[in-house]
Amino acid sequence: MGQVMRVTRVEETALWKQLNEGFVGKDGERDANFLAANVPALCRDAAERMKAMPSLHAQYTLHDSTHLLRVTELMALVLQASLEELNPIEIALLMLSAHFHDQGMIPETEELERLKARDEFRQFRRDWEIEHTNWRQIRARQGSAGVSQEEKERCLRLDNELYSAMLSDYFRESHGRRSKEYVVSCSRDDRRWEVAGRNIGDLVAKLCESHVMPVERLAPEKSLRCDESVGRYEVDML
């Protein structure tokens, strides 16, 4: 566990080392080399985008680059010796899904403005206000006569905090789907995602969506296949 805490770069993770060194002179070396060269940059892109997480969702675990690297390293600890049984595509999918699975928590600036006009969001906000009656009370107190300026400022801070919490809950409920959509969008025209004749962005997108699904929905006939094909590789998504 101490080693997990010390990881500071993608290239220090056990998954990357297996990708970079585990296929030398073996079947899949060319594809492993391509992925070892490109996956770290994709992971860093994801970590850079997640820097917005604290300002948007202050109450959640800090999803900075250190956290994402620890998730990646913990995957290898769970796999242990069976890590050597994975092919290059499967290792890359693990690394990318560790870095992209929560991207749906980060909305684009213009998206936040469009969101306010959506009926779905308006209904979510109404329901959330019903469950958090103190929010209405705080807003009412802000406009009450005889309330000191200091108290109004305190109420404004609480109002903003509750609005932020409401947004966090909204994105948390939909972030699996939104992460999937983000990965599909950003990988579509990016050659770094293409290996063995296929863009693997769609597979990462499925994994990102699946991390919020109940177990019964992950069965091959419903979601993730254990015999997905990427070029000549058979990929176990489960």
C-alpha atoms as a PDB file:
ATOM      1  CA  MET A   1       0.000   0.000   0.000  1.00  0.00           C
ATOM      2  CA  GLY A   2       2.916   2.339   0.684  1.00  0.00           C
ATOM      3  CA  GLN A   3       4.051   1.946  -2.926  1.00  0.00           C
ATOM      4  CA  VAL A   4       0.600   3.038  -4.109  1.00  0.00           C
ATOM      5  CA  MET A   5       0.914   6.242  -2.105  1.00  0.00           C
ATOM      6  CA  ARG A   6       4.266   7.078  -3.710  1.00  0.00           C
ATOM      7  CA  VAL A   7       3.200   6.862  -7.359  1.00  0.00           C
ATOM      8  CA  THR A   8       3.447  10.317  -8.971  1.00  0.00           C
ATOM      9  CA  ARG A   9       3.501   9.573 -12.728  1.00  0.00           C
ATOM     10  CA  VAL A  10       1.638   7.217 -15.039  1.00  0.00           C
ATOM     11  CA  GLU A  11       4.978   5.704 -16.011  1.00  0.00           C
ATOM     12  CA  GLU A  12       5.522   4.621 -12.391  1.00  0.00           C
ATOM     13  CA  THR A  13       2.392   2.471 -12.249  1.00  0.00           C
ATOM     14  CA  ALA A  14       2.591  -1.310 -12.408  1.00  0.00           C
ATOM     15  CA  LEU A  15       0.114  -1.367 -15.304  1.00  0.00           C
ATOM     16  CA  TRP A  16       2.249   0.904 -17.452  1.00  0.00           C
ATOM     17  CA  LYS A  17       5.406  -1.043 -16.618  1.00  0.00           C
ATOM     18  CA  GLN A  18       3.703  -4.262 -17.698  1.00  0.00           C
ATOM     19  CA  LEU A  19       2.591  -2.561 -20.913  1.00  0.00           C
ATOM     20  CA  ASN A  20       6.064  -1.166 -21.561  1.00  0.00           C
ATOM     21  CA  GLU A  21       8.178  -4.141 -20.491  1.00  0.00           C
ATOM     22  CA  GLY A  22       5.962  -7.216 -20.287  1.00  0.00           C
ATOM     23  CA  PHE A  23       5.650  -7.834 -24.022  1.00  0.00           C
ATOM     24  CA  VAL A  24       9.258  -7.381 -25.141  1.00  0.00           C
ATOM     25  CA  GLY A  25      10.041 -10.172 -27.584  1.00  0.00           C
ATOM     26  CA  LYS A  26       6.523 -11.545 -27.236  1.00  0.00           C
ATOM     27  CA  ASP A  27       3.299 -11.535 -29.181  1.00  0.00           C
ATOM     28  CA  GLY A  28       1.739  -8.067 -29.062  1.00  0.00           C
ATOM     29  CA  GLU A  29       4.995  -6.135 -28.575  1.00  0.00           C
ATOM     30  CA  ARG A  30       4.252  -3.618 -31.353  1.00  0.00           C
ATOM     31  CA  ASP A  31       0.788  -2.748 -30.023  1.00  0.00           C
ATOM     32  CA  ALA A  32       2.096  -2.625 -26.444  1.00  0.00           C
ATOM     33  CA  ASN A  33       4.774  -0.160 -27.500  1.00  0.00           C
ATOM     34  CA  PHE A  34       2.198   2.047 -29.214  1.00  0.00           C
ATOM     35  CA  LEU A  35      -0.049   2.044 -26.156  1.00  0.00           C
ATOM     36  CA  ALA A  36       2.832   2.575 -23.722  1.00  0.00           C
ATOM     37  CA  ALA A  37       3.757   5.695 -25.697  1.00  0.00           C
ATOM     38  CA  ASN A  38       0.240   7.152 -25.995  1.00  0.00           C
ATOM     39  CA  VAL A  39      -1.810   6.087 -22.974  1.00  0.00           C
ATOM     40  CA  PRO A  40       0.165   8.226 -20.465  1.00  0.00           C
ATOM     41  CA  ALA A  41      -0.592  11.391 -22.453  1.00  0.00           C
ATOM     42  CA  LEU A  42      -4.296  10.508 -22.572  1.00  0.00           C
ATOM     43  CA  CYS A  43      -4.269   9.890 -18.827  1.00  0.00           C
ATOM     44  CA  ARG A  44      -2.619  13.256 -18.225  1.00  0.00           C
ATOM     45  CA  ASP A  45      -5.273  14.943 -20.383  1.00  0.00           C
ATOM     46  CA  ALA A  46      -7.937  13.353 -18.197  1.00  0.00           C
ATOM     47  CA  ALA A  47      -6.173  14.386 -14.981  1.00  0.00           C
ATOM     48  CA  GLU A  48      -5.867  17.964 -16.217  1.00  0.00           C
ATOM     49  CA  ARG A  49      -9.602  18.167 -16.859  1.00  0.00           C
ATOM     50  CA  MET A  50     -10.371  16.753 -13.415  1.00  0.00           C
ATOM     51  CA  LYS A  51      -8.667  19.766 -11.816  1.00  0.00           C
ATOM     52  CA  ALA A  52     -12.061  21.480 -12.009  1.00  0.00           C
ATOM     53  CA  MET A  53     -13.555  18.916  -9.614  1.00  0.00           C
ATOM     54  CA  PRO A  54     -12.815  20.726  -6.295  1.00  0.00           C
ATOM     55  CA  SER A  55     -14.417  23.999  -7.364  1.00  0.00           C
ATOM     56  CA  LEU A  56     -17.531  22.232  -8.688  1.00  0.00           C
ATOM     57  CA  HIS A  57     -17.957  19.481  -6.092  1.00  0.00           C
ATOM     58  CA  ALA A  58     -16.149  20.460  -2.921  1.00  0.00           C
ATOM     59  CA  GLN A  59     -17.797  17.738  -0.826  1.00  0.00           C
ATOM     60  CA  TYR A  60     -16.387  14.855  -2.908  1.00  0.00           C
ATOM     61  CA  THR A  61     -13.058  13.053  -2.732  1.00  0.00           C
ATOM     62  CA  LEU A  62     -10.334  15.079  -4.406  1.00  0.00           C
ATOM     63  CA  HIS A  63     -10.131  13.601  -7.908  1.00  0.00           C
ATOM     64  CA  ASP A  64      -6.699  14.984  -8.731  1.00  0.00           C
ATOM     65  CA  SER A  65      -3.901  13.240 -10.644  1.00  0.00           C
ATOM     66  CA  THR A  66      -2.671  11.537  -7.454  1.00  0.00           C
ATOM     67  CA  HIS A  67      -6.087   9.980  -6.833  1.00  0.00           C
ATOM     68  CA  LEU A  68      -6.360   8.758 -10.431  1.00  0.00           C
ATOM     69  CA  LEU A  69      -2.877   7.245 -10.292  1.00  0.00           C
ATOM     70  CA  ARG A  70      -3.707   5.474  -7.028  1.00  0.00           C
ATOM     71  CA  VAL A  71      -6.823   3.958  -8.588  1.00  0.00           C
ATOM     72  CA  THR A  72      -4.647   2.750 -11.468  1.00  0.00           C
ATOM     73  CA  GLU A  73      -2.098   1.251  -9.097  1.00  0.00           C
ATOM     74  CA  LEU A  74      -4.779  -0.390  -6.955  1.00  0.00           C
ATOM     75  CA  MET A  75      -6.074  -2.171 -10.051  1.00  0.00           C
ATOM     76  CA  ALA A  76      -2.697  -3.878 -10.403  1.00  0.00           C
ATOM     77  CA  LEU A  77      -2.703  -4.832  -6.714  1.00  0.00           C
ATOM     78  CA  VAL A  78      -6.107  -6.460  -7.117  1.00  0.00           C
ATOM     79  CA  LEU A  79      -4.947  -8.377 -10.196  1.00  0.00           C
ATOM     80  CA  GLN A  80      -1.563  -9.357  -8.720  1.00  0.00           C
ATOM     81  CA  ALA A  81      -0.078 -12.332 -10.632  1.00  0.00           C
ATOM     82  CA  SER A  82      -2.967 -12.479 -13.121  1.00  0.00           C
ATOM     83  CA  LEU A  83      -1.786  -9.130 -14.508  1.00  0.00           C
ATOM     84  CA  GLU A  84       0.644 -11.084 -16.692  1.00  0.00           C
ATOM     85  CA  GLU A  85      -2.289 -12.885 -18.330  1.00  0.00           C
ATOM     86  CA  LEU A  86      -3.726  -9.679 -19.784  1.00  0.00           C
ATOM     87  CA  ASN A  87      -3.066  -8.568 -23.336  1.00  0.00           C
ATOM     88  CA  PRO A  88      -1.963  -4.993 -24.204  1.00  0.00           C
ATOM     89  CA  ILE A  89      -5.498  -3.832 -24.989  1.00  0.00           C
ATOM     90  CA  GLU A  90      -6.868  -4.991 -21.638  1.00  0.00           C
ATOM     91  CA  ILE A  91      -4.089  -3.212 -19.746  1.00  0.00           C
ATOM     92  CA  ALA A  92      -4.716   0.008 -21.665  1.00  0.00           C
ATOM     93  CA  LEU A  93      -8.455  -0.223 -20.966  1.00  0.00           C
ATOM     94  CA  LEU A  94      -7.778  -0.494 -17.248  1.00  0.00           C
ATOM     95  CA  MET A  95      -5.518   2.553 -17.239  1.00  0.00           C
ATOM     96  CA  LEU A  96      -7.848   4.682 -19.342  1.00  0.00           C
ATOM     97  CA  SER A  97     -11.008   3.736 -17.457  1.00  0.00           C
ATOM     98  CA  ALA A  98      -9.284   4.610 -14.165  1.00  0.00           C
ATOM     99  CA  HIS A  99      -8.635   8.119 -15.478  1.00  0.00           C
ATOM    100  CA  PHE A 100     -11.828   8.761 -17.443  1.00  0.00           C
ATOM    101  CA  HIS A 101     -14.617   7.106 -15.415  1.00  0.00           C
ATOM    102  CA  ASP A 102     -15.551  10.300 -13.520  1.00  0.00           C
ATOM    103  CA  GLN A 103     -15.194  12.790 -16.367  1.00  0.00           C
ATOM    104  CA  GLY A 104     -18.988  13.107 -16.418  1.00  0.00           C
ATOM    105  CA  MET A 105     -18.807  15.067 -13.168  1.00  0.00           C
ATOM    106  CA  ILE A 106     -17.180  17.962 -15.058  1.00  0.00           C
ATOM    107  CA  PRO A 107     -19.608  20.040 -17.149  1.00  0.00           C
ATOM    108  CA  GLU A 108     -18.426  22.478 -19.784  1.00  0.00           C
ATOM    109  CA  THR A 109     -19.076  26.167 -18.960  1.00  0.00           C
ATOM    110  CA  GLU A 110     -21.640  26.635 -21.729  1.00  0.00           C
ATOM    111  CA  GLU A 111     -23.336  23.393 -20.679  1.00  0.00           C
ATOM    112  CA  LEU A 112     -24.121  24.798 -17.242  1.00  0.00           C
ATOM    113  CA  GLU A 113     -26.010  27.653 -18.852  1.00  0.00           C
ATOM    114  CA  ARG A 114     -27.970  25.362 -21.172  1.00  0.00           C
ATOM    115  CA  LEU A 115     -28.757  23.081 -18.258  1.00  0.00           C
ATOM    116  CA  LYS A 116     -30.905  25.685 -16.516  1.00  0.00           C
ATOM    117  CA  ALA A 117     -33.385  25.609 -19.392  1.00  0.00           C
ATOM    118  CA  ARG A 118     -33.896  21.849 -19.401  1.00  0.00           C
ATOM    119  CA  ASP A 119     -37.149  20.500 -17.990  1.00  0.00           C
ATOM    120  CA  GLU A 120     -35.299  17.483 -16.586  1.00  0.00           C
ATOM    121  CA  PHE A 121     -32.969  19.716 -14.567  1.00  0.00           C
ATOM    122  CA  ARG A 122     -35.770  21.994 -13.398  1.00  0.00           C
ATOM    123  CA  GLN A 123     -37.712  19.014 -12.101  1.00  0.00           C
ATOM    124  CA  PHE A 124     -34.606  17.654 -10.376  1.00  0.00           C
ATOM    125  CA  ARG A 125     -34.073  21.012  -8.686  1.00  0.00           C
ATOM    126  CA  ARG A 126     -37.697  21.198  -7.520  1.00  0.00           C
ATOM    127  CA  ASP A 127     -37.495  17.690  -6.069  1.00  0.00           C
ATOM    128  CA  TRP A 128     -34.159  18.491  -4.419  1.00  0.00           C
ATOM    129  CA  GLU A 129     -35.602  21.644  -2.808  1.00  0.00           C
ATOM    130  CA  ILE A 130     -38.493  19.636  -1.387  1.00  0.00           C
ATOM    131  CA  GLU A 131     -36.001  17.265   0.247  1.00  0.00           C
ATOM    132  CA  HIS A 132     -33.858  20.163   1.528  1.00  0.00           C
ATOM    133  CA  THR A 133     -36.401  22.554   3.025  1.00  0.00           C
ATOM    134  CA  ASN A 134     -33.697  24.609   4.722  1.00  0.00           C
ATOM    135  CA  TRP A 135     -32.650  25.926   1.297  1.00  0.00           C
ATOM    136  CA  ARG A 136     -35.918  27.831   0.860  1.00  0.00           C
ATOM    137  CA  GLN A 137     -35.712  29.066   4.424  1.00  0.00           C
ATOM    138  CA  ILE A 138     -32.201  30.402   3.843  1.00  0.00           C
ATOM    139  CA  ARG A 139     -33.247  32.257   0.685  1.00  0.00           C
ATOM    140  CA  ALA A 140     -36.291  33.688   2.452  1.00  0.00           C
ATOM    141  CA  ARG A 141     -34.130  34.913   5.325  1.00  0.00           C
ATOM    142  CA  GLN A 142     -31.829  36.705   2.895  1.00  0.00           C
ATOM    143  CA  GLY A 143     -34.711  38.960   1.849  1.00  0.00           C
ATOM    144  CA  SER A 144     -36.232  39.450   5.288  1.00  0.00           C
ATOM    145  CA  ALA A 145     -36.416  42.945   6.770  1.00  0.00           C
ATOM    146  CA  GLY A 146     -34.269  43.560   9.814  1.00  0.00           C
ATOM    147  CA  VAL A 147     -31.671  40.951   8.927  1.00  0.00           C
ATOM    148  CA  SER A 148     -28.142  42.268   9.354  1.00  0.00           C
ATOM    149  CA  GLN A 149     -25.741  42.534   6.434  1.00  0.00           C
ATOM    150  CA  GLU A 150     -23.500  39.973   8.091  1.00  0.00           C
ATOM    151  CA  GLU A 151     -26.389  37.519   8.335  1.00  0.00           C
ATOM    152  CA  LYS A 152     -27.356  38.151   4.709  1.00  0.00           C
ATOM    153  CA  GLU A 153     -23.803  37.367   3.627  1.00  0.00           C
ATOM    154  CA  ARG A 154     -23.849  34.184   5.680  1.00  0.00           C
ATOM    155  CA  CYS A 155     -27.128  33.146   4.072  1.00  0.00           C
ATOM    156  CA  LEU A 156     -25.718  33.907   0.621  1.00  0.00           C
ATOM    157  CA  ARG A 157     -22.760  31.630   1.297  1.00  0.00           C
ATOM    158  CA  LEU A 158     -25.097  28.857   2.450  1.00  0.00           C
ATOM    159  CA  ASP A 159     -27.306  29.420  -0.591  1.00  0.00           C
ATOM    160  CA  ASN A 160     -24.312  28.996  -2.895  1.00  0.00           C
ATOM    161  CA  GLU A 161     -23.148  25.903  -1.026  1.00  0.00           C
ATOM    162  CA  LEU A 162     -26.562  24.274  -1.318  1.00  0.00           C
ATOM    163  CA  TYR A 163     -26.794  25.114  -5.016  1.00  0.00           C
ATOM    164  CA  SER A 164     -23.384  23.512  -5.507  1.00  0.00           C
ATOM    165  CA  ALA A 165     -24.510  20.425  -3.570  1.00  0.00           C
ATOM    166  CA  MET A 166     -27.644  20.186  -5.715  1.00  0.00           C
ATOM    167  CA  LEU A 167     -25.546  20.360  -8.902  1.00  0.00           C
ATOM    168  CA  SER A 168     -23.218  17.683  -7.535  1.00  0.00           C
ATOM    169  CA  ASP A 169     -26.134  15.355  -6.856  1.00  0.00           C
ATOM    170  CA  TYR A 170     -27.516  15.974 -10.350  1.00  0.00           C
ATOM    171  CA  PHE A 171     -24.223  15.171 -12.045  1.00  0.00           C
ATOM    172  CA  ARG A 172     -23.525  12.232  -9.737  1.00  0.00           C
ATOM    173  CA  GLU A 173     -26.737  10.530 -10.817  1.00  0.00           C
ATOM    174  CA  SER A 174     -25.954  10.949 -14.517  1.00  0.00           C
ATOM    175  CA  HIS A 175     -22.168  10.955 -14.545  1.00  0.00           C
ATOM    176  CA  GLY A 176     -21.758   7.384 -15.799  1.00  0.00           C
ATOM    177  CA  ARG A 177     -23.667   8.202 -18.969  1.00  0.00           C
ATOM    178  CA  ARG A 178     -21.993  11.587 -19.249  1.00  0.00           C
ATOM    179  CA  SER A 179     -18.519  10.039 -18.867  1.00  0.00           C
ATOM    180  CA  LYS A 180     -19.372   7.644 -21.672  1.00  0.00           C
ATOM    181  CA  GLU A 181     -20.493  10.509 -23.909  1.00  0.00           C
ATOM    182  CA  TYR A 182     -17.357  12.513 -23.130  1.00  0.00           C
ATOM    183  CA  VAL A 183     -15.017   9.626 -23.989  1.00  0.00           C
ATOM    184  CA  VAL A 184     -16.839   8.939 -27.252  1.00  0.00           C
ATOM    185  CA  SER A 185     -16.572  12.608 -28.172  1.00  0.00           C
ATOM    186  CA  CYS A 186     -12.912  13.161 -27.293  1.00  0.00           C
ATOM    187  CA  SER A 187     -11.665   9.879 -28.775  1.00  0.00           C
ATOM    188  CA  ARG A 188     -13.539  10.022 -32.077  1.00  0.00           C
ATOM    189  CA  ASP A 189     -10.867  11.836 -34.114  1.00  0.00           C
ATOM    190  CA  ASP A 190      -7.831  11.181 -31.921  1.00  0.00           C
ATOM    191  CA  ARG A 191      -5.369   8.683 -33.393  1.00  0.00           C
ATOM    192  CA  ARG A 192      -3.897   7.971 -29.975  1.00  0.00           C
ATOM    193  CA  TRP A 193      -6.996   5.878 -29.241  1.00  0.00           C
ATOM    194  CA  GLU A 194      -6.542   3.718 -32.347  1.00  0.00           C
ATOM    195  CA  VAL A 195      -4.717   0.412 -31.970  1.00  0.00           C
ATOM    196  CA  ALA A 196      -4.858  -2.916 -33.821  1.00  0.00           C
ATOM    197  CA  GLY A 197      -7.139  -1.350 -36.425  1.00  0.00           C
ATOM    198  CA  ARG A 198      -9.759  -0.103 -33.957  1.00  0.00           C
ATOM    199  CA  ASN A 199     -10.513   2.991 -31.929  1.00  0.00           C
ATOM    200  CA  ILE A 200     -10.844   1.660 -28.379  1.00  0.00           C
ATOM    201  CA  GLY A 201     -12.664   4.781 -27.160  1.00  0.00           C
ATOM    202  CA  ASP A 202     -15.996   2.976 -27.431  1.00  0.00           C
ATOM    203  CA  LEU A 203     -14.753   0.239 -25.075  1.00  0.00           C
ATOM    204  CA  VAL A 204     -13.459   2.740 -22.532  1.00  0.00           C
ATOM    205  CA  ALA A 205     -16.788   4.561 -22.821  1.00  0.00           C
ATOM    206  CA  LYS A 206     -18.671   1.365 -21.947  1.00  0.00           C
ATOM    207  CA  LEU A 207     -16.446   0.765 -18.933  1.00  0.00           C
ATOM    208  CA  CYS A 208     -16.962   4.332 -17.736  1.00  0.00           C
ATOM    209  CA  GLU A 209     -20.723   3.968 -17.997  1.00  0.00           C
ATOM    210  CA  SER A 210     -20.704   0.566 -16.299  1.00  0.00           C
ATOM    211  CA  HIS A 211     -19.077   1.686 -13.035  1.00  0.00           C
ATOM    212  CA  VAL A 212     -22.408   3.065 -11.780  1.00  0.00           C
ATOM    213  CA  MET A 213     -24.512   0.150 -13.014  1.00  0.00           C
ATOM    214  CA  PRO A 214     -25.962  -2.604 -10.824  1.00  0.00           C
ATOM    215  CA  VAL A 215     -24.176  -5.944 -11.219  1.00  0.00           C
ATOM    216  CA  GLU A 216     -27.112  -7.590 -13.004  1.00  0.00           C
ATOM    217  CA  ARG A 217     -26.808  -5.084 -15.864  1.00  0.00           C
ATOM    218  CA  LEU A 218     -23.182  -5.981 -16.567  1.00  0.00           C
ATOM    219  CA  ALA A 219     -23.967  -9.406 -18.029  1.00  0.00           C
ATOM    220  CA  PRO A 220     -22.619  -9.968 -21.577  1.00  0.00           C
ATOM    221  CA  GLU A 221     -26.104 -10.001 -23.111  1.00  0.00           C
ATOM    222  CA  LYS A 222     -26.850  -6.587 -21.595  1.00  0.00           C
ATOM    223  CA  SER A 223     -23.644  -4.589 -21.423  1.00  0.00           C
ATOM    224  CA  LEU A 224     -20.070  -5.894 -21.255  1.00  0.00           C
ATOM    225  CA  ARG A 225     -18.799  -8.801 -23.323  1.00  0.00           C
ATOM    226  CA  CYS A 226     -16.068 -11.212 -22.245  1.00  0.00           C
ATOM    227  CA  ASP A 227     -15.029 -11.857 -25.867  1.00  0.00           C
ATOM    228  CA  GLU A 228     -14.835  -8.377 -27.379  1.00  0.00           C
ATOM    229  CA  SER A 229     -12.630  -8.278 -30.484  1.00  0.00           C
ATOM    230  CA  VAL A 230      -9.901  -5.699 -31.085  1.00  0.00           C
ATOM    231  CA  GLY A 231      -7.922  -6.749 -34.118  1.00  0.00           C
ATOM    232  CA  ARG A 232      -6.583 -10.220 -33.294  1.00  0.00           C
ATOM    233  CA  TYR A 233      -7.060  -9.713 -29.558  1.00  0.00           C
ATOM    234  CA  GLU A 234      -9.925 -11.137 -27.525  1.00  0.00           C
ATOM    235  CA  VAL A 235     -10.735  -8.665 -24.762  1.00  0.00           C
ATOM    236  CA  ASP A 236     -12.560  -9.584 -21.552  1.00  0.00           C
ATOM    237  CA  MET A 237     -14.531  -6.481 -20.530  1.00  0.00           C
ATOM    238  CA  LEU A 238     -15.794  -8.155 -17.363  1.00  0.00           C
END
